[in-house]
């Protein structure tokens, strides 16, 4: 992600699963000076981020960070149970996917 995409990403990440209007993103993500120079500065960047799969939009044209898909190849096990299973010779995954990491979105 470039600087502009990261700025929009971090702004939308604060809203979680709530959709945000493009006008609001243009107004609040880049700061007042950037908004005063160009009221629609973020719209081409938003379109690019949708193409890359970082954002998703709803029918009203609002945007949000696209949620990561969860792995379904294994079951989560508590650390205590994992310890017991490890002692019996089985290896299990003790933690689910890292939901706070931005690495997933950097790869897109």
PDB file of N, CA and C in Angstrom:
ATOM      1  N   UNK A   1       0.840  -1.178   0.000  1.00  0.00           N
ATOM      2  CA  UNK A   1       0.000   0.000   0.000  1.00  0.00           C
ATOM      3  C   UNK A   1       0.885   1.242   0.000  1.00  0.00           C
ATOM      4  N   UNK A   2       0.444   2.243  -0.736  1.00  0.00           N
ATOM      5  CA  UNK A   2       1.172   3.499  -0.689  1.00  0.00           C
ATOM      6  C   UNK A   2       0.652   4.342   0.479  1.00  0.00           C
ATOM      7  N   UNK A   3       1.186   5.526   0.637  1.00  0.00           N
ATOM      8  CA  UNK A   3       0.855   6.368   1.796  1.00  0.00           C
ATOM      9  C   UNK A   3      -0.618   6.748   1.814  1.00  0.00           C
ATOM     10  N   UNK A   4      -1.161   7.110   0.659  1.00  0.00           N
ATOM     11  CA  UNK A   4      -2.568   7.519   0.609  1.00  0.00           C
ATOM     12  C   UNK A   4      -3.494   6.357   0.943  1.00  0.00           C
ATOM     13  N   UNK A   5      -3.198   5.191   0.405  1.00  0.00           N
ATOM     14  CA  UNK A   5      -4.018   4.017   0.703  1.00  0.00           C
ATOM     15  C   UNK A   5      -3.939   3.667   2.180  1.00  0.00           C
ATOM     16  N   UNK A   6      -2.750   3.734   2.748  1.00  0.00           N
ATOM     17  CA  UNK A   6      -2.578   3.423   4.166  1.00  0.00           C
ATOM     18  C   UNK A   6      -3.354   4.409   5.030  1.00  0.00           C
ATOM     19  N   UNK A   7      -3.338   5.678   4.654  1.00  0.00           N
ATOM     20  CA  UNK A   7      -4.063   6.695   5.405  1.00  0.00           C
ATOM     21  C   UNK A   7      -5.563   6.407   5.409  1.00  0.00           C
ATOM     22  N   UNK A   8      -6.108   6.047   4.256  1.00  0.00           N
ATOM     23  CA  UNK A   8      -7.531   5.700   4.159  1.00  0.00           C
ATOM     24  C   UNK A   8      -7.809   4.405   4.910  1.00  0.00           C
ATOM     25  N   UNK A   9      -6.924   3.419   4.766  1.00  0.00           N
ATOM     26  CA  UNK A   9      -7.095   2.145   5.447  1.00  0.00           C
ATOM     27  C   UNK A   9      -7.154   2.324   6.961  1.00  0.00           C
ATOM     28  N   UNK A  10      -6.215   3.077   7.510  1.00  0.00           N
ATOM     29  CA  UNK A  10      -6.189   3.293   8.957  1.00  0.00           C
ATOM     30  C   UNK A  10      -7.417   4.069   9.431  1.00  0.00           C
ATOM     31  N   UNK A  11      -7.890   5.009   8.615  1.00  0.00           N
ATOM     32  CA  UNK A  11      -9.103   5.745   8.964  1.00  0.00           C
ATOM     33  C   UNK A  11     -10.307   4.811   8.997  1.00  0.00           C
ATOM     34  N   UNK A  12     -10.480   3.995   7.963  1.00  0.00           N
ATOM     35  CA  UNK A  12     -11.634   3.097   7.901  1.00  0.00           C
ATOM     36  C   UNK A  12     -11.552   1.980   8.932  1.00  0.00           C
ATOM     37  N   UNK A  13     -10.345   1.602   9.298  1.00  0.00           N
ATOM     38  CA  UNK A  13     -10.173   0.547  10.294  1.00  0.00           C
ATOM     39  C   UNK A  13     -10.759   0.955  11.642  1.00  0.00           C
ATOM     40  N   UNK A  14     -10.767   2.250  11.936  1.00  0.00           N
ATOM     41  CA  UNK A  14     -11.332   2.709  13.200  1.00  0.00           C
ATOM     42  C   UNK A  14     -12.852   2.535  13.247  1.00  0.00           C
ATOM     43  N   UNK A  15     -13.495   2.428  12.091  1.00  0.00           N
ATOM     44  CA  UNK A  15     -14.941   2.247  12.039  1.00  0.00           C
ATOM     45  C   UNK A  15     -15.368   0.789  12.112  1.00  0.00           C
ATOM     46  N   UNK A  16     -14.444  -0.134  11.996  1.00  0.00           N
ATOM     47  CA  UNK A  16     -14.780  -1.557  12.083  1.00  0.00           C
ATOM     48  C   UNK A  16     -15.637  -2.009  10.924  1.00  0.00           C
ATOM     49  N   UNK A  17     -16.802  -2.594  11.209  1.00  0.00           N
ATOM     50  CA  UNK A  17     -17.667  -3.129  10.165  1.00  0.00           C
ATOM     51  C   UNK A  17     -18.657  -2.102   9.631  1.00  0.00           C
ATOM     52  N   UNK A  18     -18.617  -0.888  10.154  1.00  0.00           N
ATOM     53  CA  UNK A  18     -19.532   0.160   9.712  1.00  0.00           C
ATOM     54  C   UNK A  18     -19.062   0.736   8.383  1.00  0.00           C
ATOM     55  N   UNK A  19     -20.004   0.945   7.469  1.00  0.00           N
ATOM     56  CA  UNK A  19     -19.687   1.563   6.189  1.00  0.00           C
ATOM     57  C   UNK A  19     -19.609   3.085   6.356  1.00  0.00           C
ATOM     58  N   UNK A  20     -18.707   3.718   5.593  1.00  0.00           N
ATOM     59  CA  UNK A  20     -18.492   5.162   5.667  1.00  0.00           C
ATOM     60  C   UNK A  20     -18.612   5.738   4.265  1.00  0.00           C
ATOM     61  N   UNK A  21     -19.283   6.880   4.145  1.00  0.00           N
ATOM     62  CA  UNK A  21     -19.471   7.538   2.853  1.00  0.00           C
ATOM     63  C   UNK A  21     -18.154   8.084   2.320  1.00  0.00           C
ATOM     64  N   UNK A  22     -18.039   8.119   0.997  1.00  0.00           N
ATOM     65  CA  UNK A  22     -16.820   8.621   0.357  1.00  0.00           C
ATOM     66  C   UNK A  22     -16.574  10.080   0.729  1.00  0.00           C
ATOM     67  N   UNK A  23     -17.609  10.860   0.823  1.00  0.00           N
ATOM     68  CA  UNK A  23     -17.461  12.272   1.189  1.00  0.00           C
ATOM     69  C   UNK A  23     -16.835  12.418   2.580  1.00  0.00           C
ATOM     70  N   UNK A  24     -17.252  11.563   3.491  1.00  0.00           N
ATOM     71  CA  UNK A  24     -16.703  11.589   4.847  1.00  0.00           C
ATOM     72  C   UNK A  24     -15.234  11.168   4.849  1.00  0.00           C
ATOM     73  N   UNK A  25     -14.896  10.190   4.038  1.00  0.00           N
ATOM     74  CA  UNK A  25     -13.502   9.756   3.931  1.00  0.00           C
ATOM     75  C   UNK A  25     -12.648  10.891   3.378  1.00  0.00           C
ATOM     76  N   UNK A  26     -13.125  11.546   2.321  1.00  0.00           N
ATOM     77  CA  UNK A  26     -12.383  12.672   1.742  1.00  0.00           C
ATOM     78  C   UNK A  26     -12.193  13.789   2.765  1.00  0.00           C
ATOM     79  N   UNK A  27     -13.184  14.017   3.572  1.00  0.00           N
ATOM     80  CA  UNK A  27     -13.141  15.115   4.530  1.00  0.00           C
ATOM     81  C   UNK A  27     -12.242  14.831   5.721  1.00  0.00           C
ATOM     82  N   UNK A  28     -12.277  13.601   6.216  1.00  0.00           N
ATOM     83  CA  UNK A  28     -11.619  13.338   7.495  1.00  0.00           C
ATOM     84  C   UNK A  28     -10.319  12.551   7.412  1.00  0.00           C
ATOM     85  N   UNK A  29     -10.108  11.782   6.341  1.00  0.00           N
ATOM     86  CA  UNK A  29      -8.915  10.935   6.290  1.00  0.00           C
ATOM     87  C   UNK A  29      -7.654  11.720   5.961  1.00  0.00           C
ATOM     88  N   UNK A  30      -7.740  12.699   5.113  1.00  0.00           N
ATOM     89  CA  UNK A  30      -6.534  13.391   4.678  1.00  0.00           C
ATOM     90  C   UNK A  30      -6.251  14.692   5.384  1.00  0.00           C
ATOM     91  N   UNK A  31      -7.120  15.117   6.221  1.00  0.00           N
ATOM     92  CA  UNK A  31      -6.926  16.379   6.914  1.00  0.00           C
ATOM     93  C   UNK A  31      -7.623  17.531   6.196  1.00  0.00           C
ATOM     94  N   UNK A  32      -7.722  18.622   6.891  1.00  0.00           N
ATOM     95  CA  UNK A  32      -8.472  19.761   6.380  1.00  0.00           C
ATOM     96  C   UNK A  32      -7.814  20.395   5.153  1.00  0.00           C
ATOM     97  N   UNK A  33      -6.514  20.524   5.168  1.00  0.00           N
ATOM     98  CA  UNK A  33      -5.821  21.170   4.050  1.00  0.00           C
ATOM     99  C   UNK A  33      -6.007  20.383   2.756  1.00  0.00           C
ATOM    100  N   UNK A  34      -5.888  19.084   2.859  1.00  0.00           N
ATOM    101  CA  UNK A  34      -6.054  18.247   1.665  1.00  0.00           C
ATOM    102  C   UNK A  34      -7.485  18.317   1.142  1.00  0.00           C
ATOM    103  N   UNK A  35      -8.449  18.339   2.036  1.00  0.00           N
ATOM    104  CA  UNK A  35      -9.853  18.448   1.636  1.00  0.00           C
ATOM    105  C   UNK A  35     -10.128  19.807   0.999  1.00  0.00           C
ATOM    106  N   UNK A  36      -9.533  20.867   1.519  1.00  0.00           N
ATOM    107  CA  UNK A  36      -9.734  22.193   0.940  1.00  0.00           C
ATOM    108  C   UNK A  36      -9.157  22.295  -0.468  1.00  0.00           C
ATOM    109  N   UNK A  37      -8.058  21.601  -0.733  1.00  0.00           N
ATOM    110  CA  UNK A  37      -7.444  21.622  -2.060  1.00  0.00           C
ATOM    111  C   UNK A  37      -8.285  20.861  -3.081  1.00  0.00           C
ATOM    112  N   UNK A  38      -8.815  19.696  -2.688  1.00  0.00           N
ATOM    113  CA  UNK A  38      -9.612  18.868  -3.598  1.00  0.00           C
ATOM    114  C   UNK A  38     -10.634  18.093  -2.780  1.00  0.00           C
ATOM    115  N   UNK A  39     -11.910  18.388  -2.998  1.00  0.00           N
ATOM    116  CA  UNK A  39     -12.971  17.755  -2.209  1.00  0.00           C
ATOM    117  C   UNK A  39     -13.166  16.272  -2.535  1.00  0.00           C
ATOM    118  N   UNK A  40     -12.631  15.798  -3.651  1.00  0.00           N
ATOM    119  CA  UNK A  40     -12.814  14.399  -4.044  1.00  0.00           C
ATOM    120  C   UNK A  40     -11.486  13.678  -4.226  1.00  0.00           C
ATOM    121  N   UNK A  41     -10.497  14.013  -3.430  1.00  0.00           N
ATOM    122  CA  UNK A  41      -9.156  13.457  -3.590  1.00  0.00           C
ATOM    123  C   UNK A  41      -9.096  11.956  -3.372  1.00  0.00           C
ATOM    124  N   UNK A  42      -9.969  11.407  -2.541  1.00  0.00           N
ATOM    125  CA  UNK A  42      -9.875   9.993  -2.174  1.00  0.00           C
ATOM    126  C   UNK A  42     -10.623   9.059  -3.120  1.00  0.00           C
ATOM    127  N   UNK A  43     -11.482   9.569  -3.965  1.00  0.00           N
ATOM    128  CA  UNK A  43     -12.315   8.692  -4.793  1.00  0.00           C
ATOM    129  C   UNK A  43     -11.514   7.797  -5.739  1.00  0.00           C
ATOM    130  N   UNK A  44     -10.484   8.293  -6.447  1.00  0.00           N
ATOM    131  CA  UNK A  44      -9.712   7.361  -7.280  1.00  0.00           C
ATOM    132  C   UNK A  44      -8.937   6.328  -6.450  1.00  0.00           C
ATOM    133  N   UNK A  45      -8.516   6.721  -5.277  1.00  0.00           N
ATOM    134  CA  UNK A  45      -7.783   5.804  -4.399  1.00  0.00           C
ATOM    135  C   UNK A  45      -8.730   4.732  -3.875  1.00  0.00           C
ATOM    136  N   UNK A  46      -9.958   5.116  -3.531  1.00  0.00           N
ATOM    137  CA  UNK A  46     -10.952   4.147  -3.072  1.00  0.00           C
ATOM    138  C   UNK A  46     -11.251   3.120  -4.157  1.00  0.00           C
ATOM    139  N   UNK A  47     -11.379   3.577  -5.403  1.00  0.00           N
ATOM    140  CA  UNK A  47     -11.639   2.660  -6.517  1.00  0.00           C
ATOM    141  C   UNK A  47     -10.477   1.679  -6.681  1.00  0.00           C
ATOM    142  N   UNK A  48      -9.257   2.171  -6.549  1.00  0.00           N
ATOM    143  CA  UNK A  48      -8.081   1.318  -6.662  1.00  0.00           C
ATOM    144  C   UNK A  48      -8.047   0.288  -5.525  1.00  0.00           C
ATOM    145  N   UNK A  49      -8.429   0.707  -4.332  1.00  0.00           N
ATOM    146  CA  UNK A  49      -8.422  -0.204  -3.188  1.00  0.00           C
ATOM    147  C   UNK A  49      -9.504  -1.272  -3.313  1.00  0.00           C
ATOM    148  N   UNK A  50     -10.615  -0.949  -3.955  1.00  0.00           N
ATOM    149  CA  UNK A  50     -11.659  -1.945  -4.198  1.00  0.00           C
ATOM    150  C   UNK A  50     -11.156  -2.976  -5.201  1.00  0.00           C
ATOM    151  N   UNK A  51     -10.493  -2.523  -6.261  1.00  0.00           N
ATOM    152  CA  UNK A  51      -9.949  -3.440  -7.259  1.00  0.00           C
ATOM    153  C   UNK A  51      -8.933  -4.396  -6.646  1.00  0.00           C
ATOM    154  N   UNK A  52      -8.148  -3.925  -5.704  1.00  0.00           N
ATOM    155  CA  UNK A  52      -7.125  -4.755  -5.058  1.00  0.00           C
ATOM    156  C   UNK A  52      -7.707  -5.652  -3.978  1.00  0.00           C
ATOM    157  N   UNK A  53      -8.975  -5.453  -3.597  1.00  0.00           N
ATOM    158  CA  UNK A  53      -9.616  -6.304  -2.604  1.00  0.00           C
ATOM    159  C   UNK A  53      -9.386  -5.875  -1.175  1.00  0.00           C
ATOM    160  N   UNK A  54      -8.967  -4.643  -0.953  1.00  0.00           N
ATOM    161  CA  UNK A  54      -8.742  -4.145   0.397  1.00  0.00           C
ATOM    162  C   UNK A  54     -10.039  -3.629   1.002  1.00  0.00           C
ATOM    163  N   UNK A  55     -10.857  -2.982   0.185  1.00  0.00           N
ATOM    164  CA  UNK A  55     -12.126  -2.414   0.640  1.00  0.00           C
ATOM    165  C   UNK A  55     -13.287  -3.089  -0.063  1.00  0.00           C
ATOM    166  N   UNK A  56     -14.464  -2.924   0.526  1.00  0.00           N
ATOM    167  CA  UNK A  56     -15.694  -3.341  -0.124  1.00  0.00           C
ATOM    168  C   UNK A  56     -16.705  -2.224   0.018  1.00  0.00           C
ATOM    169  N   UNK A  57     -17.698  -2.230  -0.832  1.00  0.00           N
ATOM    170  CA  UNK A  57     -18.693  -1.176  -0.835  1.00  0.00           C
ATOM    171  C   UNK A  57     -20.091  -1.783  -0.748  1.00  0.00           C
ATOM    172  N   UNK A  58     -21.039  -0.971  -0.300  1.00  0.00           N
ATOM    173  CA  UNK A  58     -22.424  -1.433  -0.253  1.00  0.00           C
ATOM    174  C   UNK A  58     -23.215  -0.768  -1.374  1.00  0.00           C
ATOM    175  N   UNK A  59     -24.515  -0.994  -1.413  1.00  0.00           N
ATOM    176  CA  UNK A  59     -25.362  -0.461  -2.478  1.00  0.00           C
ATOM    177  C   UNK A  59     -25.453   1.058  -2.448  1.00  0.00           C
ATOM    178  N   UNK A  60     -25.199   1.665  -1.311  1.00  0.00           N
ATOM    179  CA  UNK A  60     -25.280   3.116  -1.185  1.00  0.00           C
ATOM    180  C   UNK A  60     -23.972   3.809  -1.542  1.00  0.00           C
ATOM    181  N   UNK A  61     -22.948   3.053  -1.919  1.00  0.00           N
ATOM    182  CA  UNK A  61     -21.667   3.626  -2.286  1.00  0.00           C
ATOM    183  C   UNK A  61     -20.787   3.967  -1.101  1.00  0.00           C
ATOM    184  N   UNK A  62     -21.035   3.338   0.022  1.00  0.00           N
ATOM    185  CA  UNK A  62     -20.213   3.547   1.210  1.00  0.00           C
ATOM    186  C   UNK A  62     -19.157   2.456   1.282  1.00  0.00           C
ATOM    187  N   UNK A  63     -18.072   2.739   1.992  1.00  0.00           N
ATOM    188  CA  UNK A  63     -16.911   1.860   1.999  1.00  0.00           C
ATOM    189  C   UNK A  63     -16.588   1.373   3.406  1.00  0.00           C
ATOM    190  N   UNK A  64     -15.928   0.206   3.461  1.00  0.00           N
ATOM    191  CA  UNK A  64     -15.373  -0.317   4.702  1.00  0.00           C
ATOM    192  C   UNK A  64     -14.234  -1.258   4.351  1.00  0.00           C
ATOM    193  N   UNK A  65     -13.414  -1.557   5.344  1.00  0.00           N
ATOM    194  CA  UNK A  65     -12.314  -2.500   5.142  1.00  0.00           C
ATOM    195  C   UNK A  65     -12.925  -3.884   4.994  1.00  0.00           C
ATOM    196  N   UNK A  66     -12.482  -4.586   3.968  1.00  0.00           N
ATOM    197  CA  UNK A  66     -13.003  -5.916   3.701  1.00  0.00           C
ATOM    198  C   UNK A  66     -12.505  -6.869   4.777  1.00  0.00           C
ATOM    199  N   UNK A  67     -13.407  -7.575   5.446  1.00  0.00           N
ATOM    200  CA  UNK A  67     -12.977  -8.508   6.493  1.00  0.00           C
ATOM    201  C   UNK A  67     -12.166  -9.659   5.915  1.00  0.00           C
ATOM    202  N   UNK A  68     -11.195 -10.116   6.699  1.00  0.00           N
ATOM    203  CA  UNK A  68     -10.387 -11.250   6.272  1.00  0.00           C
ATOM    204  C   UNK A  68     -11.199 -12.527   6.363  1.00  0.00           C
ATOM    205  N   UNK A  69     -10.904 -13.444   5.459  1.00  0.00           N
ATOM    206  CA  UNK A  69     -11.546 -14.753   5.512  1.00  0.00           C
ATOM    207  C   UNK A  69     -10.830 -15.596   6.556  1.00  0.00           C
ATOM    208  N   UNK A  70     -11.611 -16.298   7.341  1.00  0.00           N
ATOM    209  CA  UNK A  70     -11.041 -17.152   8.378  1.00  0.00           C
ATOM    210  C   UNK A  70     -10.657 -18.492   7.785  1.00  0.00           C
ATOM    211  N   UNK A  71      -9.592 -19.055   8.323  1.00  0.00           N
ATOM    212  CA  UNK A  71      -9.178 -20.393   7.904  1.00  0.00           C
ATOM    213  C   UNK A  71     -10.164 -21.407   8.474  1.00  0.00           C
ATOM    214  N   UNK A  72     -10.534 -22.370   7.666  1.00  0.00           N
ATOM    215  CA  UNK A  72     -11.438 -23.410   8.135  1.00  0.00           C
ATOM    216  C   UNK A  72     -10.762 -24.770   8.128  1.00  0.00           C
ATOM    217  N   UNK A  73      -9.430 -24.775   8.045  1.00  0.00           N
ATOM    218  CA  UNK A  73      -8.728 -26.037   7.956  1.00  0.00           C
ATOM    219  C   UNK A  73      -8.437 -26.670   9.309  1.00  0.00           C
ATOM    220  N   UNK A  74      -8.678 -25.966  10.378  1.00  0.00           N
ATOM    221  CA  UNK A  74      -8.403 -26.539  11.685  1.00  0.00           C
ATOM    222  C   UNK A  74      -9.304 -25.940  12.749  1.00  0.00           C
ATOM    223  N   UNK A  75      -9.269 -26.508  13.906  1.00  0.00           N
ATOM    224  CA  UNK A  75     -10.057 -26.019  15.036  1.00  0.00           C
ATOM    225  C   UNK A  75      -9.136 -25.335  16.027  1.00  0.00           C
ATOM    226  N   UNK A  76      -9.631 -24.314  16.679  1.00  0.00           N
ATOM    227  CA  UNK A  76      -8.878 -23.630  17.705  1.00  0.00           C
ATOM    228  C   UNK A  76      -8.972 -24.440  18.991  1.00  0.00           C
ATOM    229  N   UNK A  77      -7.848 -24.506  19.698  1.00  0.00           N
ATOM    230  CA  UNK A  77      -7.782 -25.261  20.946  1.00  0.00           C
ATOM    231  C   UNK A  77      -7.172 -24.358  22.004  1.00  0.00           C
ATOM    232  N   UNK A  78      -7.712 -24.401  23.194  1.00  0.00           N
ATOM    233  CA  UNK A  78      -7.164 -23.584  24.279  1.00  0.00           C
ATOM    234  C   UNK A  78      -5.737 -24.033  24.606  1.00  0.00           C
ATOM    235  N   UNK A  79      -4.927 -23.143  25.151  1.00  0.00           N
ATOM    236  CA  UNK A  79      -3.537 -23.514  25.472  1.00  0.00           C
ATOM    237  C   UNK A  79      -3.425 -24.688  26.439  1.00  0.00           C
ATOM    238  N   UNK A  80      -4.361 -24.793  27.381  1.00  0.00           N
ATOM    239  CA  UNK A  80      -4.316 -25.892  28.343  1.00  0.00           C
ATOM    240  C   UNK A  80      -4.555 -27.241  27.660  1.00  0.00           C
ATOM    241  N   UNK A  81      -5.556 -27.284  26.798  1.00  0.00           N
ATOM    242  CA  UNK A  81      -5.852 -28.516  26.065  1.00  0.00           C
ATOM    243  C   UNK A  81      -4.700 -28.846  25.117  1.00  0.00           C
ATOM    244  N   UNK A  82      -4.127 -27.811  24.483  1.00  0.00           N
ATOM    245  CA  UNK A  82      -2.999 -28.029  23.570  1.00  0.00           C
ATOM    246  C   UNK A  82      -1.821 -28.652  24.305  1.00  0.00           C
ATOM    247  N   UNK A  83      -1.600 -28.212  25.536  1.00  0.00           N
ATOM    248  CA  UNK A  83      -0.500 -28.775  26.332  1.00  0.00           C
ATOM    249  C   UNK A  83      -0.737 -30.260  26.606  1.00  0.00           C
ATOM    250  N   UNK A  84      -1.967 -30.607  26.965  1.00  0.00           N
ATOM    251  CA  UNK A  84      -2.303 -32.005  27.233  1.00  0.00           C
ATOM    252  C   UNK A  84      -2.131 -32.844  25.970  1.00  0.00           C
ATOM    253  N   UNK A  85      -2.608 -32.322  24.831  1.00  0.00           N
ATOM    254  CA  UNK A  85      -2.478 -33.057  23.575  1.00  0.00           C
ATOM    255  C   UNK A  85      -1.019 -33.182  23.146  1.00  0.00           C
ATOM    256  N   UNK A  86      -0.233 -32.145  23.398  1.00  0.00           N
ATOM    257  CA  UNK A  86       1.186 -32.192  23.047  1.00  0.00           C
ATOM    258  C   UNK A  86       1.919 -33.247  23.868  1.00  0.00           C
ATOM    259  N   UNK A  87       1.549 -33.372  25.138  1.00  0.00           N
ATOM    260  CA  UNK A  87       2.162 -34.389  25.989  1.00  0.00           C
ATOM    261  C   UNK A  87       1.822 -35.797  25.505  1.00  0.00           C
ATOM    262  N   UNK A  88       0.639 -35.929  24.874  1.00  0.00           N
ATOM    263  CA  UNK A  88       0.261 -37.247  24.359  1.00  0.00           C
ATOM    264  C   UNK A  88       0.796 -37.497  22.947  1.00  0.00           C
ATOM    265  N   UNK A  89       1.482 -36.485  22.363  1.00  0.00           N
ATOM    266  CA  UNK A  89       2.118 -36.697  21.070  1.00  0.00           C
ATOM    267  C   UNK A  89       1.450 -36.026  19.891  1.00  0.00           C
ATOM    268  N   UNK A  90       0.393 -35.289  20.103  1.00  0.00           N
ATOM    269  CA  UNK A  90      -0.302 -34.602  19.017  1.00  0.00           C
ATOM    270  C   UNK A  90       0.084 -33.122  18.988  1.00  0.00           C
ATOM    271  N   UNK A  91       0.299 -32.567  17.789  1.00  0.00           N
ATOM    272  CA  UNK A  91       0.574 -31.135  17.619  1.00  0.00           C
ATOM    273  C   UNK A  91      -0.704 -30.462  17.160  1.00  0.00           C
ATOM    274  N   UNK A  92      -1.071 -29.378  17.823  1.00  0.00           N
ATOM    275  CA  UNK A  92      -2.263 -28.623  17.442  1.00  0.00           C
ATOM    276  C   UNK A  92      -1.932 -27.138  17.419  1.00  0.00           C
ATOM    277  N   UNK A  93      -2.760 -26.397  16.692  1.00  0.00           N
ATOM    278  CA  UNK A  93      -2.619 -24.941  16.635  1.00  0.00           C
ATOM    279  C   UNK A  93      -3.344 -24.354  17.835  1.00  0.00           C
ATOM    280  N   UNK A  94      -2.672 -23.502  18.601  1.00  0.00           N
ATOM    281  CA  UNK A  94      -3.269 -22.985  19.829  1.00  0.00           C
ATOM    282  C   UNK A  94      -3.909 -21.625  19.661  1.00  0.00           C
ATOM    283  N   UNK A  95      -3.635 -20.927  18.584  1.00  0.00           N
ATOM    284  CA  UNK A  95      -4.204 -19.593  18.413  1.00  0.00           C
ATOM    285  C   UNK A  95      -4.835 -19.487  17.042  1.00  0.00           C
ATOM    286  N   UNK A  96      -5.883 -18.677  16.956  1.00  0.00           N
ATOM    287  CA  UNK A  96      -6.541 -18.431  15.684  1.00  0.00           C
ATOM    288  C   UNK A  96      -5.737 -17.462  14.848  1.00  0.00           C
ATOM    289  N   UNK A  97      -6.243 -17.070  13.682  1.00  0.00           N
ATOM    290  CA  UNK A  97      -5.530 -16.121  12.833  1.00  0.00           C
ATOM    291  C   UNK A  97      -5.438 -14.760  13.503  1.00  0.00           C
ATOM    292  N   UNK A  98      -4.357 -14.050  13.234  1.00  0.00           N
ATOM    293  CA  UNK A  98      -4.109 -12.734  13.820  1.00  0.00           C
ATOM    294  C   UNK A  98      -4.997 -11.708  13.134  1.00  0.00           C
ATOM    295  N   UNK A  99      -6.054 -11.268  13.816  1.00  0.00           N
ATOM    296  CA  UNK A  99      -7.027 -10.364  13.204  1.00  0.00           C
ATOM    297  C   UNK A  99      -6.588  -8.908  13.236  1.00  0.00           C
ATOM    298  N   UNK A 100      -5.621  -8.540  14.081  1.00  0.00           N
ATOM    299  CA  UNK A 100      -5.189  -7.159  14.178  1.00  0.00           C
ATOM    300  C   UNK A 100      -4.044  -6.838  13.239  1.00  0.00           C
ATOM    301  N   UNK A 101      -3.454  -7.826  12.629  1.00  0.00           N
ATOM    302  CA  UNK A 101      -2.283  -7.615  11.789  1.00  0.00           C
ATOM    303  C   UNK A 101      -2.679  -6.992  10.457  1.00  0.00           C
ATOM    304  N   UNK A 102      -1.889  -6.027   9.994  1.00  0.00           N
ATOM    305  CA  UNK A 102      -2.127  -5.398   8.703  1.00  0.00           C
ATOM    306  C   UNK A 102      -1.382  -6.117   7.593  1.00  0.00           C
ATOM    307  N   UNK A 103      -0.654  -7.177   7.928  1.00  0.00           N
ATOM    308  CA  UNK A 103       0.133  -7.893   6.930  1.00  0.00           C
ATOM    309  C   UNK A 103      -0.745  -8.476   5.833  1.00  0.00           C
ATOM    310  N   UNK A 104      -1.927  -8.928   6.182  1.00  0.00           N
ATOM    311  CA  UNK A 104      -2.843  -9.495   5.192  1.00  0.00           C
ATOM    312  C   UNK A 104      -3.157  -8.462   4.120  1.00  0.00           C
ATOM    313  N   UNK A 105      -3.440  -7.241   4.526  1.00  0.00           N
ATOM    314  CA  UNK A 105      -3.811  -6.196   3.585  1.00  0.00           C
ATOM    315  C   UNK A 105      -2.599  -5.672   2.813  1.00  0.00           C
ATOM    316  N   UNK A 106      -1.412  -5.778   3.397  1.00  0.00           N
ATOM    317  CA  UNK A 106      -0.195  -5.381   2.685  1.00  0.00           C
ATOM    318  C   UNK A 106       0.085  -6.306   1.519  1.00  0.00           C
ATOM    319  N   UNK A 107      -0.344  -7.555   1.616  1.00  0.00           N
ATOM    320  CA  UNK A 107      -0.098  -8.520   0.552  1.00  0.00           C
ATOM    321  C   UNK A 107      -1.031  -8.335  -0.632  1.00  0.00           C
ATOM    322  N   UNK A 108      -2.127  -7.630  -0.454  1.00  0.00           N
ATOM    323  CA  UNK A 108      -3.098  -7.457  -1.544  1.00  0.00           C
ATOM    324  C   UNK A 108      -2.622  -6.451  -2.555  1.00  0.00           C
TER     325      UNK A 108
END
